[in-house]
């Protein structure tokens, strides 16, 4: 019994230290997600055929010179409104195909970009909104210079939802944002990851050192203050309309993040909690209601 107690004590002491060592390397690594290029071209072709939409390549030069690549997709009878779509981490533009399809059916044109350091876009690191929000400004500039845009919206999931919210704070042409499973701020979500997606309490206590070391590593490698990567602050900075969506079974970025963003929002706001939905799965869980909620939201602004 005494030996067991010693083992438990040793684990409690050594676990934070080991986690901190791992996080020292993992922090900067989180800024370099894999350039995934899944074989989704066939799915894209099928989606375009179902919606009878037309796709064009688009290239955008970011303010720091990074080239961003994506698609402009138009339905056969466009209503004049455009939606910027934002994918999650370690994914690319094709991760938003499901959202693009129902938007196109309702007459919305969409811009599907690879985020920096993802897919075919340039850049050697992702900053989860710090640089990406200004990439949105460059994308909007390019769109407005080549298309007639009646209204501009943004829709994103997970990291993409967090970027969409931060983008709207600095891009006043965005009339409203739909964000599914966004994080409240980078430091808060680090507790969820440090807590092994089991409990943020672990990340704030036993593995707090891991979270701190990981965040500091990201700050040093990315040259930014992680505390400024904050959708929660973004919705307080500009009163734009938001529709926040989260799932009750999301253990990656739990609903408390969306609830914090909702509480901080100063514009018109809605919060839809999807029962039984896991991370980034609300559309698959409630496809008809999801489409209804999003289209209803966009049509009001």
Protein backbone atom coordinates (compact mmCIF):
# COMPACT_ATOMS: atom_id res chain seq x y z
CA UNK A 1 0.00 0.00 0.00
CA UNK A 2 2.84 2.36 0.90
CA UNK A 3 4.60 1.57 -2.39
CA UNK A 4 1.39 2.33 -4.30
CA UNK A 5 1.11 5.66 -2.52
CA UNK A 6 4.69 6.54 -3.48
CA UNK A 7 3.97 5.70 -7.11
CA UNK A 8 0.87 7.92 -7.13
CA UNK A 9 2.78 10.80 -5.55
CA UNK A 10 5.64 10.37 -8.03
CA UNK A 11 3.20 10.48 -10.95
CA UNK A 12 1.53 13.59 -9.59
CA UNK A 13 4.90 15.30 -9.28
CA UNK A 14 6.46 14.11 -12.53
CA UNK A 15 3.43 14.34 -14.82
CA UNK A 16 3.43 18.16 -14.99
CA UNK A 17 7.19 18.19 -15.56
CA UNK A 18 6.96 15.64 -18.36
CA UNK A 19 4.03 17.41 -19.91
CA UNK A 20 5.91 20.70 -19.78
CA UNK A 21 8.89 19.20 -21.61
CA UNK A 22 6.58 17.85 -24.30
CA UNK A 23 4.73 21.15 -24.54
CA UNK A 24 7.96 23.07 -25.06
CA UNK A 25 8.23 21.32 -28.40
CA UNK A 26 4.52 21.06 -29.07
CA UNK A 27 3.84 24.79 -28.66
CA UNK A 28 5.79 25.88 -31.75
CA UNK A 29 4.67 22.74 -33.57
CA UNK A 30 1.05 23.83 -33.19
CA UNK A 31 1.93 26.76 -35.44
CA UNK A 32 2.93 24.37 -38.23
CA UNK A 33 -0.07 22.13 -38.94
CA UNK A 34 0.25 19.60 -41.70
CA UNK A 35 -0.42 20.77 -45.24
CA UNK A 36 -3.19 18.28 -45.82
CA UNK A 37 -4.46 17.69 -49.32
CA UNK A 38 -7.21 15.07 -48.97
CA UNK A 39 -8.64 13.41 -52.05
CA UNK A 40 -11.87 15.38 -52.03
CA UNK A 41 -11.81 16.61 -55.62
CA UNK A 42 -14.37 14.00 -56.59
CA UNK A 43 -16.65 15.13 -53.77
CA UNK A 44 -16.18 18.72 -54.93
CA UNK A 45 -17.13 17.80 -58.50
CA UNK A 46 -20.24 16.01 -57.30
CA UNK A 47 -21.25 18.98 -55.14
CA UNK A 48 -20.82 21.35 -58.07
CA UNK A 49 -22.91 19.07 -60.26
CA UNK A 50 -25.71 18.86 -57.68
CA UNK A 51 -25.85 22.63 -57.23
CA UNK A 52 -25.01 23.51 -60.86
CA UNK A 53 -22.48 25.95 -59.46
CA UNK A 54 -19.41 27.34 -61.23
CA UNK A 55 -15.96 27.35 -59.60
CA UNK A 56 -13.04 29.70 -60.29
CA UNK A 57 -9.58 29.76 -58.74
CA UNK A 58 -8.69 32.79 -56.64
CA UNK A 59 -5.28 33.96 -55.44
CA UNK A 60 -4.85 36.57 -52.72
CA UNK A 61 -1.67 38.31 -51.61
CA UNK A 62 -1.66 38.80 -47.84
CA UNK A 63 -0.24 41.95 -46.26
CA UNK A 64 2.99 40.11 -45.36
CA UNK A 65 3.39 38.77 -48.90
CA UNK A 66 2.05 35.26 -48.29
CA UNK A 67 0.03 33.88 -51.21
CA UNK A 68 -3.38 32.51 -50.25
CA UNK A 69 -5.26 30.24 -52.61
CA UNK A 70 -8.84 29.10 -52.89
CA UNK A 71 -12.02 29.07 -54.96
CA UNK A 72 -14.85 31.43 -55.74
CA UNK A 73 -18.04 29.43 -56.29
CA UNK A 74 -21.24 30.89 -57.74
CA UNK A 75 -24.71 29.31 -57.91
CA UNK A 76 -26.67 29.44 -61.19
CA UNK A 77 -28.90 32.24 -59.85
CA UNK A 78 -26.79 34.25 -57.36
CA UNK A 79 -28.56 36.58 -54.95
CA UNK A 80 -25.61 38.98 -54.79
CA UNK A 81 -24.48 37.95 -51.29
CA UNK A 82 -21.16 36.21 -50.58
CA UNK A 83 -20.05 34.04 -47.68
CA UNK A 84 -16.42 33.56 -46.68
CA UNK A 85 -15.93 29.96 -45.49
CA UNK A 86 -13.24 29.00 -42.96
CA UNK A 87 -12.06 25.43 -42.36
CA UNK A 88 -10.60 23.86 -39.23
CA UNK A 89 -7.00 23.21 -38.27
CA UNK A 90 -4.96 20.72 -40.34
CA UNK A 91 -7.58 20.78 -43.09
CA UNK A 92 -8.13 22.74 -46.29
CA UNK A 93 -10.90 24.48 -48.25
CA UNK A 94 -12.63 21.19 -49.07
CA UNK A 95 -13.45 20.80 -45.39
CA UNK A 96 -16.27 23.31 -45.92
CA UNK A 97 -18.00 21.50 -48.81
CA UNK A 98 -21.12 20.66 -46.80
CA UNK A 99 -21.66 24.27 -45.80
CA UNK A 100 -20.96 25.52 -49.32
CA UNK A 101 -23.56 23.17 -50.77
CA UNK A 102 -26.56 24.38 -48.79
CA UNK A 103 -25.49 28.02 -49.15
CA UNK A 104 -25.25 27.65 -52.92
CA UNK A 105 -28.72 26.09 -53.02
CA UNK A 106 -30.06 29.27 -51.44
CA UNK A 107 -28.35 31.57 -53.93
CA UNK A 108 -25.30 32.55 -51.87
CA UNK A 109 -21.92 32.66 -53.59
CA UNK A 110 -19.01 31.39 -51.48
CA UNK A 111 -15.29 31.93 -51.12
CA UNK A 112 -13.46 28.78 -50.02
CA UNK A 113 -9.86 29.64 -49.07
CA UNK A 114 -7.02 27.53 -47.72
CA UNK A 115 -5.93 29.23 -44.51
CA UNK A 116 -2.27 30.21 -44.32
CA UNK A 117 0.04 27.22 -43.76
CA UNK A 118 -2.77 24.94 -44.93
CA UNK A 119 -3.58 23.29 -48.24
CA UNK A 120 -2.17 25.17 -51.24
CA UNK A 121 -1.73 28.48 -49.40
CA UNK A 122 1.69 29.76 -48.40
CA UNK A 123 2.99 30.67 -45.00
CA UNK A 124 5.04 28.61 -42.59
CA UNK A 125 2.81 28.86 -39.54
CA UNK A 126 -0.81 29.20 -38.45
CA UNK A 127 -1.55 31.83 -35.80
CA UNK A 128 -5.22 30.96 -35.14
CA UNK A 129 -6.52 34.40 -36.04
CA UNK A 130 -3.68 36.79 -35.26
CA UNK A 131 -2.49 37.05 -38.87
CA UNK A 132 -5.48 35.30 -40.46
CA UNK A 133 -7.88 38.15 -39.61
CA UNK A 134 -5.86 40.44 -41.88
CA UNK A 135 -5.76 37.69 -44.51
CA UNK A 136 -9.53 38.10 -44.49
CA UNK A 137 -9.16 41.81 -45.20
CA UNK A 138 -6.94 41.01 -48.19
CA UNK A 139 -9.42 38.40 -49.40
CA UNK A 140 -12.31 40.86 -49.10
CA UNK A 141 -10.31 43.48 -51.01
CA UNK A 142 -9.71 40.99 -53.82
CA UNK A 143 -13.33 39.88 -53.87
CA UNK A 144 -14.72 43.42 -53.98
CA UNK A 145 -12.30 44.37 -56.76
CA UNK A 146 -13.52 41.52 -58.99
CA UNK A 147 -17.17 40.96 -58.05
CA UNK A 148 -20.33 42.90 -57.29
CA UNK A 149 -20.95 42.14 -53.64
CA UNK A 150 -24.27 43.10 -52.08
CA UNK A 151 -23.50 41.79 -48.59
CA UNK A 152 -20.59 39.83 -47.17
CA UNK A 153 -20.83 37.21 -44.42
CA UNK A 154 -18.46 34.73 -42.76
CA UNK A 155 -18.99 31.13 -41.62
CA UNK A 156 -16.38 28.98 -39.94
CA UNK A 157 -15.97 25.86 -37.84
CA UNK A 158 -13.56 25.29 -34.93
CA UNK A 159 -10.37 27.22 -35.75
CA UNK A 160 -12.26 28.59 -38.76
CA UNK A 161 -15.06 29.91 -36.57
CA UNK A 162 -12.52 31.56 -34.29
CA UNK A 163 -10.83 33.21 -37.28
CA UNK A 164 -14.18 34.36 -38.69
CA UNK A 165 -15.07 36.10 -35.42
CA UNK A 166 -11.69 37.80 -35.14
CA UNK A 167 -11.86 38.81 -38.80
CA UNK A 168 -15.19 40.58 -38.37
CA UNK A 169 -13.68 42.78 -35.68
CA UNK A 170 -11.23 44.29 -38.19
CA UNK A 171 -13.24 43.93 -41.43
CA UNK A 172 -16.40 46.09 -41.23
CA UNK A 173 -17.69 44.81 -44.57
CA UNK A 174 -18.60 41.52 -42.86
CA UNK A 175 -22.30 41.89 -42.04
CA UNK A 176 -22.60 38.82 -39.80
CA UNK A 177 -20.76 35.71 -38.63
CA UNK A 178 -21.79 32.10 -38.09
CA UNK A 179 -19.23 30.35 -35.85
CA UNK A 180 -19.48 26.71 -34.86
CA UNK A 181 -17.33 25.50 -31.95
CA UNK A 182 -15.04 28.54 -31.72
CA UNK A 183 -12.63 28.92 -28.83
CA UNK A 184 -13.04 31.89 -26.48
CA UNK A 185 -9.33 32.64 -26.43
CA UNK A 186 -6.14 30.75 -27.12
CA UNK A 187 -5.06 30.47 -23.50
CA UNK A 188 -8.42 29.09 -22.37
CA UNK A 189 -8.52 26.42 -25.08
CA UNK A 190 -4.95 25.43 -24.20
CA UNK A 191 -6.34 24.17 -20.88
CA UNK A 192 -8.67 21.82 -22.75
CA UNK A 193 -5.83 20.40 -24.80
CA UNK A 194 -3.47 20.20 -21.81
CA UNK A 195 -6.29 18.44 -19.95
CA UNK A 196 -6.21 15.74 -22.64
CA UNK A 197 -9.70 16.79 -23.81
CA UNK A 198 -11.01 15.14 -20.67
CA UNK A 199 -11.28 18.16 -18.38
CA UNK A 200 -10.02 21.72 -18.57
CA UNK A 201 -9.58 21.46 -14.80
CA UNK A 202 -6.65 19.10 -15.40
CA UNK A 203 -5.13 21.68 -17.73
CA UNK A 204 -5.58 24.41 -15.14
CA UNK A 205 -4.16 22.38 -12.26
CA UNK A 206 -2.13 19.18 -12.74
CA UNK A 207 -1.03 20.03 -16.28
CA UNK A 208 -1.02 23.82 -15.94
CA UNK A 209 2.74 23.89 -16.49
CA UNK A 210 2.24 22.14 -19.81
CA UNK A 211 -0.28 24.76 -20.89
CA UNK A 212 1.95 27.66 -19.87
CA UNK A 213 5.03 26.23 -21.60
CA UNK A 214 3.04 25.41 -24.73
CA UNK A 215 1.54 28.90 -24.96
CA UNK A 216 4.93 30.54 -24.34
CA UNK A 217 6.42 28.40 -27.10
CA UNK A 218 3.75 29.54 -29.52
CA UNK A 219 4.32 33.18 -28.55
CA UNK A 220 8.07 32.95 -29.11
CA UNK A 221 7.79 31.08 -32.41
CA UNK A 222 4.90 33.14 -33.79
CA UNK A 223 5.94 36.56 -32.57
CA UNK A 224 2.55 37.43 -31.10
CA UNK A 225 0.83 37.62 -27.75
CA UNK A 226 -1.44 34.57 -27.41
CA UNK A 227 -3.71 36.54 -25.08
CA UNK A 228 -4.61 38.75 -28.03
CA UNK A 229 -5.87 35.76 -30.03
CA UNK A 230 -9.37 36.08 -28.66
CA UNK A 231 -12.77 35.79 -30.35
CA UNK A 232 -14.19 36.83 -26.99
CA UNK A 233 -12.44 40.20 -27.28
CA UNK A 234 -13.30 40.45 -30.98
CA UNK A 235 -17.08 40.34 -30.47
CA UNK A 236 -16.77 43.03 -27.82
CA UNK A 237 -14.72 45.28 -30.09
CA UNK A 238 -17.32 45.59 -32.87
CA UNK A 239 -21.09 44.98 -32.55
CA UNK A 240 -21.60 42.64 -35.50
CA UNK A 241 -24.37 39.98 -35.50
CA UNK A 242 -23.27 36.47 -34.51
CA UNK A 243 -24.82 33.02 -34.59
CA UNK A 244 -22.82 30.75 -32.28
CA UNK A 245 -23.23 26.98 -32.48
CA UNK A 246 -21.82 24.31 -30.18
CA UNK A 247 -22.43 20.65 -29.35
CA UNK A 248 -23.15 19.15 -25.95
CA UNK A 249 -20.71 16.28 -26.61
CA UNK A 250 -17.84 18.42 -27.83
CA UNK A 251 -14.84 17.57 -25.65
CA UNK A 252 -12.33 19.30 -27.94
CA UNK A 253 -13.65 22.86 -27.60
CA UNK A 254 -16.55 22.52 -25.14
CA UNK A 255 -19.64 24.72 -25.19
CA UNK A 256 -18.33 26.96 -22.42
CA UNK A 257 -16.21 28.69 -25.07
CA UNK A 258 -19.20 29.59 -27.26
CA UNK A 259 -21.09 30.67 -24.14
CA UNK A 260 -18.27 33.04 -23.18
CA UNK A 261 -18.20 34.52 -26.67
CA UNK A 262 -21.98 34.90 -26.58
CA UNK A 263 -21.83 36.70 -23.23
CA UNK A 264 -19.18 39.11 -24.53
CA UNK A 265 -20.89 39.89 -27.86
CA UNK A 266 -22.20 43.45 -28.13
CA UNK A 267 -24.18 43.03 -31.35
CA UNK A 268 -27.27 40.96 -32.10
CA UNK A 269 -26.53 37.41 -31.05
CA UNK A 270 -27.88 33.88 -31.03
CA UNK A 271 -26.58 30.74 -29.35
CA UNK A 272 -27.71 27.33 -30.59
CA UNK A 273 -26.64 24.36 -28.48
CA UNK A 274 -26.99 21.13 -30.47
CA UNK A 275 -27.83 18.15 -28.31
CA UNK A 276 -25.54 15.17 -28.86
CA UNK A 277 -23.25 16.93 -31.34
CA UNK A 278 -19.52 16.28 -31.05
CA UNK A 279 -16.82 18.64 -32.27
CA UNK A 280 -17.56 20.17 -35.69
CA UNK A 281 -20.45 17.78 -36.24
CA UNK A 282 -23.57 19.91 -35.76
CA UNK A 283 -24.34 19.96 -39.50
CA UNK A 284 -24.23 16.18 -39.66
CA UNK A 285 -26.25 15.85 -36.46
CA UNK A 286 -29.04 18.27 -37.42
CA UNK A 287 -28.67 18.98 -41.17
CA UNK A 288 -32.15 20.38 -41.83
CA UNK A 289 -32.24 22.53 -38.70
CA UNK A 290 -28.66 23.68 -39.27
CA UNK A 291 -29.51 24.88 -42.77
CA UNK A 292 -32.68 26.55 -41.51
CA UNK A 293 -30.91 28.34 -38.66
CA UNK A 294 -28.01 29.59 -40.79
CA UNK A 295 -30.10 30.75 -43.76
CA UNK A 296 -32.60 32.42 -41.41
CA UNK A 297 -29.76 34.24 -39.66
CA UNK A 298 -28.10 35.44 -42.86
CA UNK A 299 -31.37 36.62 -44.37
CA UNK A 300 -31.95 39.03 -41.47
CA UNK A 301 -28.76 41.05 -41.91
